[in-house]
Structure formats: C-alpha cells, structure tokens
PDB file of N, CA and C in Angstrom:
ATOM      1  N   MET A   1     132.182 109.206  58.740  1.00  0.00           N
ATOM      2  CA  MET A   1     131.342 109.618  59.838  1.00  0.00           C
ATOM      3  C   MET A   1     131.861 108.995  61.126  1.00  0.00           C
ATOM      4  N   ASN A   2     131.975 109.810  62.171  1.00  0.00           N
ATOM      5  CA  ASN A   2     132.480 109.348  63.459  1.00  0.00           C
ATOM      6  C   ASN A   2     131.342 108.701  64.241  1.00  0.00           C
ATOM      7  N   MET A   3     131.441 107.421  64.544  1.00  0.00           N
ATOM      8  CA  MET A   3     130.372 106.663  65.220  1.00  0.00           C
ATOM      9  C   MET A   3     130.411 106.818  66.744  1.00  0.00           C
ATOM     10  N   LYS A   4     131.512 107.316  67.289  1.00  0.00           N
ATOM     11  CA  LYS A   4     131.651 107.402  68.740  1.00  0.00           C
ATOM     12  C   LYS A   4     130.552 108.262  69.389  1.00  0.00           C
ATOM     13  N   PRO A   5     130.243 109.470  68.889  1.00  0.00           N
ATOM     14  CA  PRO A   5     129.172 110.260  69.525  1.00  0.00           C
ATOM     15  C   PRO A   5     127.806 109.577  69.434  1.00  0.00           C
ATOM     16  N   ILE A   6     127.557 108.897  68.353  1.00  0.00           N
ATOM     17  CA  ILE A   6     126.274 108.204  68.183  1.00  0.00           C
ATOM     18  C   ILE A   6     126.175 107.055  69.175  1.00  0.00           C
ATOM     19  N   LEU A   7     127.259 106.279  69.305  1.00  0.00           N
ATOM     20  CA  LEU A   7     127.259 105.164  70.247  1.00  0.00           C
ATOM     21  C   LEU A   7     127.116 105.659  71.686  1.00  0.00           C
ATOM     22  N   CYS A   8     127.761 106.774  72.017  1.00  0.00           N
ATOM     23  CA  CYS A   8     127.625 107.341  73.366  1.00  0.00           C
ATOM     24  C   CYS A   8     126.190 107.764  73.632  1.00  0.00           C
ATOM     25  N   THR A   9     125.560 108.380  72.651  1.00  0.00           N
ATOM     26  CA  THR A   9     124.165 108.809  72.800  1.00  0.00           C
ATOM     27  C   THR A   9     123.255 107.607  72.994  1.00  0.00           C
ATOM     28  N   VAL A  10     123.449 106.577  72.202  1.00  0.00           N
ATOM     29  CA  VAL A  10     122.642 105.363  72.327  1.00  0.00           C
ATOM     30  C   VAL A  10     122.842 104.739  73.711  1.00  0.00           C
ATOM     31  N   ALA A  11     124.075 104.689  74.188  1.00  0.00           N
ATOM     32  CA  ALA A  11     124.359 104.118  75.505  1.00  0.00           C
ATOM     33  C   ALA A  11     123.685 104.925  76.602  1.00  0.00           C
ATOM     34  N   LEU A  12     123.721 106.235  76.518  1.00  0.00           N
ATOM     35  CA  LEU A  12     123.072 107.093  77.520  1.00  0.00           C
ATOM     36  C   LEU A  12     121.555 106.912  77.504  1.00  0.00           C
ATOM     37  N   LEU A  13     120.972 106.813  76.330  1.00  0.00           N
ATOM     38  CA  LEU A  13     119.524 106.593  76.230  1.00  0.00           C
ATOM     39  C   LEU A  13     119.137 105.245  76.829  1.00  0.00           C
ATOM     40  N   ALA A  14     119.936 104.231  76.559  1.00  0.00           N
ATOM     41  CA  ALA A  14     119.656 102.900  77.104  1.00  0.00           C
ATOM     42  C   ALA A  14     119.764 102.914  78.628  1.00  0.00           C
ATOM     43  N   ALA A  15     120.786 103.574  79.152  1.00  0.00           N
ATOM     44  CA  ALA A  15     120.950 103.660  80.608  1.00  0.00           C
ATOM     45  C   ALA A  15     119.787 104.419  81.230  1.00  0.00           C
ATOM     46  N   GLY A  16     119.338 105.472  80.582  1.00  0.00           N
ATOM     47  CA  GLY A  16     118.198 106.240  81.083  1.00  0.00           C
ATOM     48  C   GLY A  16     116.931 105.412  81.117  1.00  0.00           C
ATOM     49  N   ALA A  17     116.743 104.578  80.126  1.00  0.00           N
ATOM     50  CA  ALA A  17     115.553 103.723  80.098  1.00  0.00           C
ATOM     51  C   ALA A  17     115.595 102.695  81.215  1.00  0.00           C
ATOM     52  N   ILE A  18     116.775 102.179  81.507  1.00  0.00           N
ATOM     53  CA  ILE A  18     116.918 101.171  82.561  1.00  0.00           C
ATOM     54  C   ILE A  18     116.683 101.789  83.940  1.00  0.00           C
ATOM     55  N   LEU A  19     117.144 103.004  84.140  1.00  0.00           N
ATOM     56  CA  LEU A  19     117.076 103.638  85.452  1.00  0.00           C
ATOM     57  C   LEU A  19     115.849 104.523  85.642  1.00  0.00           C
ATOM     58  N   SER A  20     114.974 104.580  84.669  1.00  0.00           N
ATOM     59  CA  SER A  20     113.817 105.470  84.756  1.00  0.00           C
ATOM     60  C   SER A  20     112.821 104.987  85.799  1.00  0.00           C
ATOM     61  N   PRO A  21     111.963 105.909  86.315  1.00  0.00           N
ATOM     62  CA  PRO A  21     110.949 105.523  87.295  1.00  0.00           C
ATOM     63  C   PRO A  21     109.993 104.449  86.776  1.00  0.00           C
ATOM     64  N   ALA A  22     109.777 104.406  85.480  1.00  0.00           N
ATOM     65  CA  ALA A  22     108.887 103.378  84.932  1.00  0.00           C
ATOM     66  C   ALA A  22     109.433 101.989  85.242  1.00  0.00           C
ATOM     67  N   HIS A  23     110.757 101.858  85.255  1.00  0.00           N
ATOM     68  CA  HIS A  23     111.370 100.567  85.573  1.00  0.00           C
ATOM     69  C   HIS A  23     111.075 100.173  87.021  1.00  0.00           C
ATOM     70  N   ALA A  24     110.983 101.166  87.886  1.00  0.00           N
ATOM     71  CA  ALA A  24     110.724 100.886  89.303  1.00  0.00           C
ATOM     72  C   ALA A  24     109.346 100.260  89.496  1.00  0.00           C
ATOM     73  N   ASP A  25     108.454 100.460  88.543  1.00  0.00           N
ATOM     74  CA  ASP A  25     107.119  99.901  88.672  1.00  0.00           C
ATOM     75  C   ASP A  25     107.035  98.541  87.972  1.00  0.00           C
ATOM     76  N   GLY A  26     108.182  97.974  87.625  1.00  0.00           N
ATOM     77  CA  GLY A  26     108.215  96.680  86.958  1.00  0.00           C
ATOM     78  C   GLY A  26     107.826  95.551  87.880  1.00  0.00           C
ATOM     79  N   ARG A  27     107.821  94.338  87.333  1.00  0.00           N
ATOM     80  CA  ARG A  27     107.350  93.179  88.077  1.00  0.00           C
ATOM     81  C   ARG A  27     108.142  92.950  89.364  1.00  0.00           C
ATOM     82  N   TRP A  28     109.452  93.146  89.334  1.00  0.00           N
ATOM     83  CA  TRP A  28     110.264  92.907  90.534  1.00  0.00           C
ATOM     84  C   TRP A  28     109.844  93.809  91.678  1.00  0.00           C
ATOM     85  N   ALA A  29     109.485  95.057  91.388  1.00  0.00           N
ATOM     86  CA  ALA A  29     109.132  96.002  92.455  1.00  0.00           C
ATOM     87  C   ALA A  29     107.786  95.658  93.077  1.00  0.00           C
ATOM     88  N   LYS A  30     106.886  95.067  92.319  1.00  0.00           N
ATOM     89  CA  LYS A  30     105.561  94.734  92.849  1.00  0.00           C
ATOM     90  C   LYS A  30     105.631  93.632  93.893  1.00  0.00           C
ATOM     91  N   THR A  31     106.733  92.903  93.920  1.00  0.00           N
ATOM     92  CA  THR A  31     106.858  91.832  94.900  1.00  0.00           C
ATOM     93  C   THR A  31     107.646  92.274  96.135  1.00  0.00           C
ATOM     94  N   HIS A  32     107.920  93.558  96.247  1.00  0.00           N
ATOM     95  CA  HIS A  32     108.560  94.055  97.466  1.00  0.00           C
ATOM     96  C   HIS A  32     107.646  93.708  98.635  1.00  0.00           C
ATOM     97  N   PRO A  33     108.174  93.216  99.744  1.00  0.00           N
ATOM     98  CA  PRO A  33     107.336  92.711 100.843  1.00  0.00           C
ATOM     99  C   PRO A  33     106.253  93.676 101.342  1.00  0.00           C
ATOM    100  N   ARG A  34     106.576  94.949 101.489  1.00  0.00           N
ATOM    101  CA  ARG A  34     105.555  95.886 101.979  1.00  0.00           C
ATOM    102  C   ARG A  34     104.495  96.148 100.924  1.00  0.00           C
ATOM    103  N   ARG A  35     104.905  96.238  99.662  1.00  0.00           N
ATOM    104  CA  ARG A  35     103.921  96.411  98.579  1.00  0.00           C
ATOM    105  C   ARG A  35     103.053  95.162  98.483  1.00  0.00           C
ATOM    106  N   ASP A  36     103.679  94.020  98.575  1.00  0.00           N
ATOM    107  CA  ASP A  36     102.962  92.751  98.467  1.00  0.00           C
ATOM    108  C   ASP A  36     101.907  92.631  99.567  1.00  0.00           C
ATOM    109  N   GLN A  37     102.265  93.019 100.783  1.00  0.00           N
ATOM    110  CA  GLN A  37     101.326  92.937 101.910  1.00  0.00           C
ATOM    111  C   GLN A  37     100.132  93.851 101.681  1.00  0.00           C
ATOM    112  N   VAL A  38     100.387  95.078 101.268  1.00  0.00           N
ATOM    113  CA  VAL A  38      99.303  96.035 101.025  1.00  0.00           C
ATOM    114  C   VAL A  38      98.402  95.540  99.899  1.00  0.00           C
ATOM    115  N   ASN A  39      98.998  95.087  98.817  1.00  0.00           N
ATOM    116  CA  ASN A  39      98.207  94.636  97.672  1.00  0.00           C
ATOM    117  C   ASN A  39      97.451  93.337  97.959  1.00  0.00           C
ATOM    118  N   ASP A  40      98.029  92.448  98.769  1.00  0.00           N
ATOM    119  CA  ASP A  40      97.301  91.238  99.165  1.00  0.00           C
ATOM    120  C   ASP A  40      96.051  91.607  99.967  1.00  0.00           C
ATOM    121  N   ARG A  41      96.185  92.581 100.859  1.00  0.00           N
ATOM    122  CA  ARG A  41      95.024  93.034 101.636  1.00  0.00           C
ATOM    123  C   ARG A  41      93.954  93.624 100.730  1.00  0.00           C
ATOM    124  N   LEU A  42      94.375  94.428  99.764  1.00  0.00           N
ATOM    125  CA  LEU A  42      93.410  95.018  98.834  1.00  0.00           C
ATOM    126  C   LEU A  42      92.678  93.928  98.047  1.00  0.00           C
ATOM    127  N   GLN A  43      93.404  92.921  97.619  1.00  0.00           N
ATOM    128  CA  GLN A  43      92.789  91.818  96.878  1.00  0.00           C
ATOM    129  C   GLN A  43      91.800  91.064  97.771  1.00  0.00           C
ATOM    130  N   HIS A  44      92.185  90.830  99.018  1.00  0.00           N
ATOM    131  CA  HIS A  44      91.298  90.137  99.958  1.00  0.00           C
ATOM    132  C   HIS A  44      90.032  90.964 100.216  1.00  0.00           C
ATOM    133  N   GLN A  45      90.207  92.258 100.382  1.00  0.00           N
ATOM    134  CA  GLN A  45      89.042  93.118 100.606  1.00  0.00           C
ATOM    135  C   GLN A  45      88.121  93.127  99.395  1.00  0.00           C
ATOM    136  N   ASN A  46      88.692  93.091  98.207  1.00  0.00           N
ATOM    137  CA  ASN A  46      87.889  93.044  96.992  1.00  0.00           C
ATOM    138  C   ASN A  46      87.000  91.796  96.995  1.00  0.00           C
ATOM    139  N   LYS A  47      87.580  90.661  97.389  1.00  0.00           N
ATOM    140  CA  LYS A  47      86.800  89.417  97.466  1.00  0.00           C
ATOM    141  C   LYS A  47      85.699  89.527  98.519  1.00  0.00           C
ATOM    142  N   ARG A  48      86.035  90.129  99.662  1.00  0.00           N
ATOM    143  CA  ARG A  48      85.039  90.291 100.730  1.00  0.00           C
ATOM    144  C   ARG A  48      83.879  91.167 100.268  1.00  0.00           C
ATOM    145  N   ILE A  49      84.189  92.247  99.559  1.00  0.00           N
ATOM    146  CA  ILE A  49      83.134  93.128  99.052  1.00  0.00           C
ATOM    147  C   ILE A  49      82.219  92.348  98.114  1.00  0.00           C
ATOM    148  N   HIS A  50      82.810  91.574  97.204  1.00  0.00           N
ATOM    149  CA  HIS A  50      82.012  90.767  96.267  1.00  0.00           C
ATOM    150  C   HIS A  50      81.124  89.769  97.024  1.00  0.00           C
ATOM    151  N   GLU A  51      81.689  89.108  98.030  1.00  0.00           N
ATOM    152  CA  GLU A  51      80.918  88.128  98.801  1.00  0.00           C
ATOM    153  C   GLU A  51      79.758  88.793  99.551  1.00  0.00           C
ATOM    154  N   GLU A  52      80.038  89.924 100.200  1.00  0.00           N
ATOM    155  CA  GLU A  52      78.992  90.631 100.943  1.00  0.00           C
ATOM    156  C   GLU A  52      77.897  91.129 100.007  1.00  0.00           C
ATOM    157  N   ARG A  53      78.282  91.560  98.815  1.00  0.00           N
ATOM    158  CA  ARG A  53      77.297  92.028  97.820  1.00  0.00           C
ATOM    159  C   ARG A  53      76.449  90.841  97.352  1.00  0.00           C
ATOM    160  N   LYS A  54      77.097  89.719  97.086  1.00  0.00           N
ATOM    161  CA  LYS A  54      76.407  88.528  96.609  1.00  0.00           C
ATOM    162  C   LYS A  54      75.408  88.014  97.652  1.00  0.00           C
ATOM    163  N   GLU A  55      75.807  88.119  98.926  1.00  0.00           N
ATOM    164  CA  GLU A  55      74.938  87.659 100.008  1.00  0.00           C
ATOM    165  C   GLU A  55      73.838  88.666 100.344  1.00  0.00           C
ATOM    166  N   GLY A  56      73.901  89.852  99.731  1.00  0.00           N
ATOM    167  CA  GLY A  56      72.875  90.856  99.970  1.00  0.00           C
ATOM    168  C   GLY A  56      73.139  91.728 101.189  1.00  0.00           C
ATOM    169  N   ASP A  57      74.330  91.613 101.780  1.00  0.00           N
ATOM    170  CA  ASP A  57      74.666  92.424 102.949  1.00  0.00           C
ATOM    171  C   ASP A  57      75.105  93.832 102.571  1.00  0.00           C
ATOM    172  N   LEU A  58      75.452  94.032 101.311  1.00  0.00           N
ATOM    173  CA  LEU A  58      75.813  95.353 100.808  1.00  0.00           C
ATOM    174  C   LEU A  58      74.946  95.675  99.602  1.00  0.00           C
ATOM    175  N   THR A  59      74.570  96.930  99.479  1.00  0.00           N
ATOM    176  CA  THR A  59      73.854  97.354  98.277  1.00  0.00           C
ATOM    177  C   THR A  59      74.868  97.544  97.155  1.00  0.00           C
ATOM    178  N   LYS A  60      74.355  97.671  95.958  1.00  0.00           N
ATOM    179  CA  LYS A  60      75.223  97.884  94.805  1.00  0.00           C
ATOM    180  C   LYS A  60      76.027  99.181  94.976  1.00  0.00           C
ATOM    181  N   SER A  61      75.375 100.238  95.459  1.00  0.00           N
ATOM    182  CA  SER A  61      76.065 101.517  95.618  1.00  0.00           C
ATOM    183  C   SER A  61      77.095 101.463  96.749  1.00  0.00           C
ATOM    184  N   GLN A  62      76.798 100.725  97.826  1.00  0.00           N
ATOM    185  CA  GLN A  62      77.773 100.579  98.910  1.00  0.00           C
ATOM    186  C   GLN A  62      79.020  99.847  98.400  1.00  0.00           C
ATOM    187  N   ALA A  63      78.798  98.772  97.680  1.00  0.00           N
ATOM    188  CA  ALA A  63      79.924  98.002  97.135  1.00  0.00           C
ATOM    189  C   ALA A  63      80.735  98.855  96.165  1.00  0.00           C
ATOM    190  N   ALA A  64      80.059  99.621  95.324  1.00  0.00           N
ATOM    191  CA  ALA A  64      80.759 100.486  94.367  1.00  0.00           C
ATOM    192  C   ALA A  64      81.612 101.521  95.089  1.00  0.00           C
ATOM    193  N   ALA A  65      81.088 102.094  96.161  1.00  0.00           N
ATOM    194  CA  ALA A  65      81.842 103.086  96.923  1.00  0.00           C
ATOM    195  C   ALA A  65      83.079 102.458  97.563  1.00  0.00           C
ATOM    196  N   MET A  66      82.946 101.245  98.068  1.00  0.00           N
ATOM    197  CA  MET A  66      84.084 100.559  98.691  1.00  0.00           C
ATOM    198  C   MET A  66      85.137 100.185  97.650  1.00  0.00           C
ATOM    199  N   HIS A  67      84.688  99.747  96.488  1.00  0.00           N
ATOM    200  CA  HIS A  67      85.636  99.445  95.407  1.00  0.00           C
ATOM    201  C   HIS A  67      86.376 100.726  95.004  1.00  0.00           C
ATOM    202  N   LYS A  68      85.669 101.832  94.967  1.00  0.00           N
ATOM    203  CA  LYS A  68      86.295 103.108  94.618  1.00  0.00           C
ATOM    204  C   LYS A  68      87.360 103.475  95.660  1.00  0.00           C
ATOM    205  N   ASP A  69      87.028 103.307  96.942  1.00  0.00           N
ATOM    206  CA  ASP A  69      88.002 103.586  98.009  1.00  0.00           C
ATOM    207  C   ASP A  69      89.245 102.713  97.842  1.00  0.00           C
ATOM    208  N   ASP A  70      89.043 101.432  97.558  1.00  0.00           N
ATOM    209  CA  ASP A  70      90.171 100.519  97.378  1.00  0.00           C
ATOM    210  C   ASP A  70      91.009 100.893  96.150  1.00  0.00           C
ATOM    211  N   ARG A  71      90.356 101.327  95.067  1.00  0.00           N
ATOM    212  CA  ARG A  71      91.107 101.757  93.878  1.00  0.00           C
ATOM    213  C   ARG A  71      91.966 102.979  94.202  1.00  0.00           C
ATOM    214  N   GLN A  72      91.433 103.880  95.014  1.00  0.00           N
ATOM    215  CA  GLN A  72      92.208 105.067  95.399  1.00  0.00           C
ATOM    216  C   GLN A  72      93.407 104.667  96.262  1.00  0.00           C
ATOM    217  N   ILE A  73      93.214 103.715  97.165  1.00  0.00           N
ATOM    218  CA  ILE A  73      94.318 103.237  97.997  1.00  0.00           C
ATOM    219  C   ILE A  73      95.376 102.574  97.116  1.00  0.00           C
ATOM    220  N   ARG A  74      94.938 101.762  96.164  1.00  0.00           N
ATOM    221  CA  ARG A  74      95.889 101.083  95.262  1.00  0.00           C
ATOM    222  C   ARG A  74      96.667 102.113  94.438  1.00  0.00           C
ATOM    223  N   GLN A  75      95.989 103.153  93.966  1.00  0.00           N
ATOM    224  CA  GLN A  75      96.683 104.190  93.194  1.00  0.00           C
ATOM    225  C   GLN A  75      97.690 104.932  94.079  1.00  0.00           C
ATOM    226  N   GLU A  76      97.300 105.204  95.302  1.00  0.00           N
ATOM    227  CA  GLU A  76      98.214 105.859  96.236  1.00  0.00           C
ATOM    228  C   GLU A  76      99.441 104.977  96.498  1.00  0.00           C
ATOM    229  N   GLU A  77      99.216 103.667  96.618  1.00  0.00           N
ATOM    230  CA  GLU A  77     100.320 102.718  96.811  1.00  0.00           C
ATOM    231  C   GLU A  77     101.280 102.784  95.622  1.00  0.00           C
ATOM    232  N   ARG A  78     100.737 102.823  94.417  1.00  0.00           N
ATOM    233  CA  ARG A  78     101.589 102.890  93.218  1.00  0.00           C
ATOM    234  C   ARG A  78     102.363 104.200  93.171  1.00  0.00           C
ATOM    235  N   ASP A  79     101.672 105.294  93.497  1.00  0.00           N
ATOM    236  CA  ASP A  79     102.341 106.602  93.487  1.00  0.00           C
ATOM    237  C   ASP A  79     103.476 106.652  94.516  1.00  0.00           C
ATOM    238  N   MET A  80     103.208 106.118  95.702  1.00  0.00           N
ATOM    239  CA  MET A  80     104.252 106.096  96.743  1.00  0.00           C
ATOM    240  C   MET A  80     105.445 105.259  96.288  1.00  0.00           C
ATOM    241  N   ALA A  81     105.174 104.111  95.693  1.00  0.00           N
ATOM    242  CA  ALA A  81     106.244 103.226  95.252  1.00  0.00           C
ATOM    243  C   ALA A  81     107.086 103.888  94.161  1.00  0.00           C
ATOM    244  N   LYS A  82     106.449 104.623  93.268  1.00  0.00           N
ATOM    245  CA  LYS A  82     107.196 105.308  92.207  1.00  0.00           C
ATOM    246  C   LYS A  82     108.184 106.313  92.796  1.00  0.00           C
ATOM    247  N   GLN A  83     107.822 106.909  93.913  1.00  0.00           N
ATOM    248  CA  GLN A  83     108.694 107.904  94.535  1.00  0.00           C
ATOM    249  C   GLN A  83     109.846 107.258  95.298  1.00  0.00           C
ATOM    250  N   ASN A  84     109.752 105.955  95.554  1.00  0.00           N
ATOM    251  CA  ASN A  84     110.767 105.267  96.356  1.00  0.00           C
ATOM    252  C   ASN A  84     111.426 104.114  95.619  1.00  0.00           C
ATOM    253  N   GLY A  85     111.604 104.249  94.342  1.00  0.00           N
ATOM    254  CA  GLY A  85     112.296 103.207  93.589  1.00  0.00           C
ATOM    255  C   GLY A  85     111.574 101.875  93.581  1.00  0.00           C
ATOM    256  N   GLY A  86     110.256 101.898  93.638  1.00  0.00           N
ATOM    257  CA  GLY A  86     109.476 100.668  93.569  1.00  0.00           C
ATOM    258  C   GLY A  86     109.148 100.066  94.919  1.00  0.00           C
ATOM    259  N   HIS A  87     109.526 100.735  95.998  1.00  0.00           N
ATOM    260  CA  HIS A  87     109.299 100.211  97.347  1.00  0.00           C
ATOM    261  C   HIS A  87     108.394 101.136  98.137  1.00  0.00           C
ATOM    262  N   LEU A  88     107.883 100.635  99.251  1.00  0.00           N
ATOM    263  CA  LEU A  88     107.153 101.446 100.220  1.00  0.00           C
ATOM    264  C   LEU A  88     107.984 101.545 101.485  1.00  0.00           C
ATOM    265  N   THR A  89     107.938 102.703 102.116  1.00  0.00           N
ATOM    266  CA  THR A  89     108.570 102.824 103.428  1.00  0.00           C
ATOM    267  C   THR A  89     107.634 102.206 104.454  1.00  0.00           C
ATOM    268  N   LYS A  90     108.152 101.974 105.652  1.00  0.00           N
ATOM    269  CA  LYS A  90     107.308 101.421 106.714  1.00  0.00           C
ATOM    270  C   LYS A  90     106.161 102.382 107.039  1.00  0.00           C
ATOM    271  N   GLN A  91     106.436 103.677 107.054  1.00  0.00           N
ATOM    272  CA  GLN A  91     105.390 104.657 107.346  1.00  0.00           C
ATOM    273  C   GLN A  91     104.321 104.664 106.256  1.00  0.00           C
ATOM    274  N   GLU A  92     104.722 104.553 105.004  1.00  0.00           N
ATOM    275  CA  GLU A  92     103.745 104.508 103.914  1.00  0.00           C
ATOM    276  C   GLU A  92     102.880 103.266 104.034  1.00  0.00           C
ATOM    277  N   GLN A  93     103.504 102.139 104.345  1.00  0.00           N
ATOM    278  CA  GLN A  93     102.743 100.908 104.541  1.00  0.00           C
ATOM    279  C   GLN A  93     101.733 101.088 105.674  1.00  0.00           C
ATOM    280  N   ARG A  94     102.168 101.683 106.766  1.00  0.00           N
ATOM    281  CA  ARG A  94     101.300 101.921 107.922  1.00  0.00           C
ATOM    282  C   ARG A  94     100.114 102.810 107.523  1.00  0.00           C
ATOM    283  N   THR A  95     100.396 103.863 106.777  1.00  0.00           N
ATOM    284  CA  THR A  95      99.344 104.781 106.323  1.00  0.00           C
ATOM    285  C   THR A  95      98.328 104.061 105.442  1.00  0.00           C
ATOM    286  N   LEU A  96      98.813 103.276 104.487  1.00  0.00           N
ATOM    287  CA  LEU A  96      97.916 102.540 103.590  1.00  0.00           C
ATOM    288  C   LEU A  96      97.094 101.510 104.366  1.00  0.00           C
ATOM    289  N   ASN A  97      97.723 100.834 105.322  1.00  0.00           N
ATOM    290  CA  ASN A  97      96.988  99.854 106.131  1.00  0.00           C
ATOM    291  C   ASN A  97      95.899 100.520 106.968  1.00  0.00           C
ATOM    292  N   GLN A  98      96.158 101.720 107.457  1.00  0.00           N
ATOM    293  CA  GLN A  98      95.125 102.436 108.213  1.00  0.00           C
ATOM    294  C   GLN A  98      93.932 102.756 107.314  1.00  0.00           C
ATOM    295  N   GLN A  99      94.208 103.141 106.087  1.00  0.00           N
ATOM    296  CA  GLN A  99      93.128 103.412 105.132  1.00  0.00           C
ATOM    297  C   GLN A  99      92.362 102.121 104.821  1.00  0.00           C
ATOM    298  N   GLU A 100      93.083 101.033 104.660  1.00  0.00           N
ATOM    299  CA  GLU A 100      92.442  99.745 104.398  1.00  0.00           C
ATOM    300  C   GLU A 100      91.603  99.301 105.599  1.00  0.00           C
ATOM    301  N   ASN A 101      92.075  99.593 106.805  1.00  0.00           N
ATOM    302  CA  ASN A 101      91.315  99.240 108.001  1.00  0.00           C
ATOM    303  C   ASN A 101      89.934  99.901 107.987  1.00  0.00           C
ATOM    304  N   GLN A 102      89.863 101.138 107.536  1.00  0.00           N
ATOM    305  CA  GLN A 102      88.585 101.841 107.490  1.00  0.00           C
ATOM    306  C   GLN A 102      87.630 101.164 106.506  1.00  0.00           C
ATOM    307  N   VAL A 103      88.127 100.827 105.348  1.00  0.00           N
ATOM    308  CA  VAL A 103      87.288 100.137 104.358  1.00  0.00           C
ATOM    309  C   VAL A 103      86.871  98.781 104.893  1.00  0.00           C
ATOM    310  N   SER A 104      87.786  98.092 105.560  1.00  0.00           N
ATOM    311  CA  SER A 104      87.476  96.775 106.128  1.00  0.00           C
ATOM    312  C   SER A 104      86.340  96.869 107.141  1.00  0.00           C
ATOM    313  N   LYS A 105      86.377  97.890 107.985  1.00  0.00           N
ATOM    314  CA  LYS A 105      85.296  98.079 108.970  1.00  0.00           C
ATOM    315  C   LYS A 105      83.961  98.316 108.263  1.00  0.00           C
ATOM    316  N   ASP A 106      83.993  99.078 107.171  1.00  0.00           N
ATOM    317  CA  ASP A 106      82.767  99.357 106.417  1.00  0.00           C
ATOM    318  C   ASP A 106      82.203  98.077 105.789  1.00  0.00           C
ATOM    319  N   ILE A 107      83.074  97.188 105.352  1.00  0.00           N
ATOM    320  CA  ILE A 107      82.614  95.928 104.756  1.00  0.00           C
ATOM    321  C   ILE A 107      81.890  95.100 105.798  1.00  0.00           C
ATOM    322  N   GLY A 108      82.392  95.108 107.010  1.00  0.00           N
ATOM    323  CA  GLY A 108      81.835  94.277 108.074  1.00  0.00           C
ATOM    324  C   GLY A 108      80.484  94.710 108.594  1.00  0.00           C
ATOM    325  N   HIS A 109      80.038  95.926 108.270  1.00  0.00           N
ATOM    326  CA  HIS A 109      78.751  96.398 108.792  1.00  0.00           C
ATOM    327  C   HIS A 109      77.585  95.898 107.996  1.00  0.00           C
TER     328      HIS A 109
END
C-alpha cells in the first residue's frame, strides 16, 4: 500500500484545521488590542448594571434588557472578529463602542 497519498491527505487536513476560522477565535485572537478594549468595556458595563440593580436604580426588567443589549454587542464583536482573522478593524471597534455608549447612557439614568 502506498502511504504517500494518505500522508498528503493527513497533512492537508491538519493544515486546514490550523488555518480554519475557528482558530481565529482562539485565545490569542481574544487579546487583540481592539477586541480587548471592546470586551473590557462590556465587562465593565456588566458590573455597572449589576451595581445599579443591587442599589435599586434599575428594575429587574431594565437590567435584563441591558444585559441582552450587551450580549448582542458581544456576539457582533465575535462575528466581526471571525471575518477578520480574529481581529477588529478600527471602524468595527468604533461601531461597537458607539453601541456600548448607548447602553452606558441607559445605565446612568
């Protein structure tokens, strides 16, 4: 049996796994500076929502709606990063920050 075609197939499959979009969402990509900035803001907003809810400044439904908005922003961030090899462009970062600004204003009321 000729092993060369089998070894070539295995090598191609391994290369495909390394270069696949799933790899772009690995730990190294999450620390990209623009992704890190967006995700740090989302984490900070999550804490603010919890604090405002605990202090009685937000109702349970208001807090739930804000958490939902933040989850949608986080999902959008992940989707954008998948399209760019694990990174965000400056425009994508700007867009996500504008969305976060709206949620931030809602928390402050």
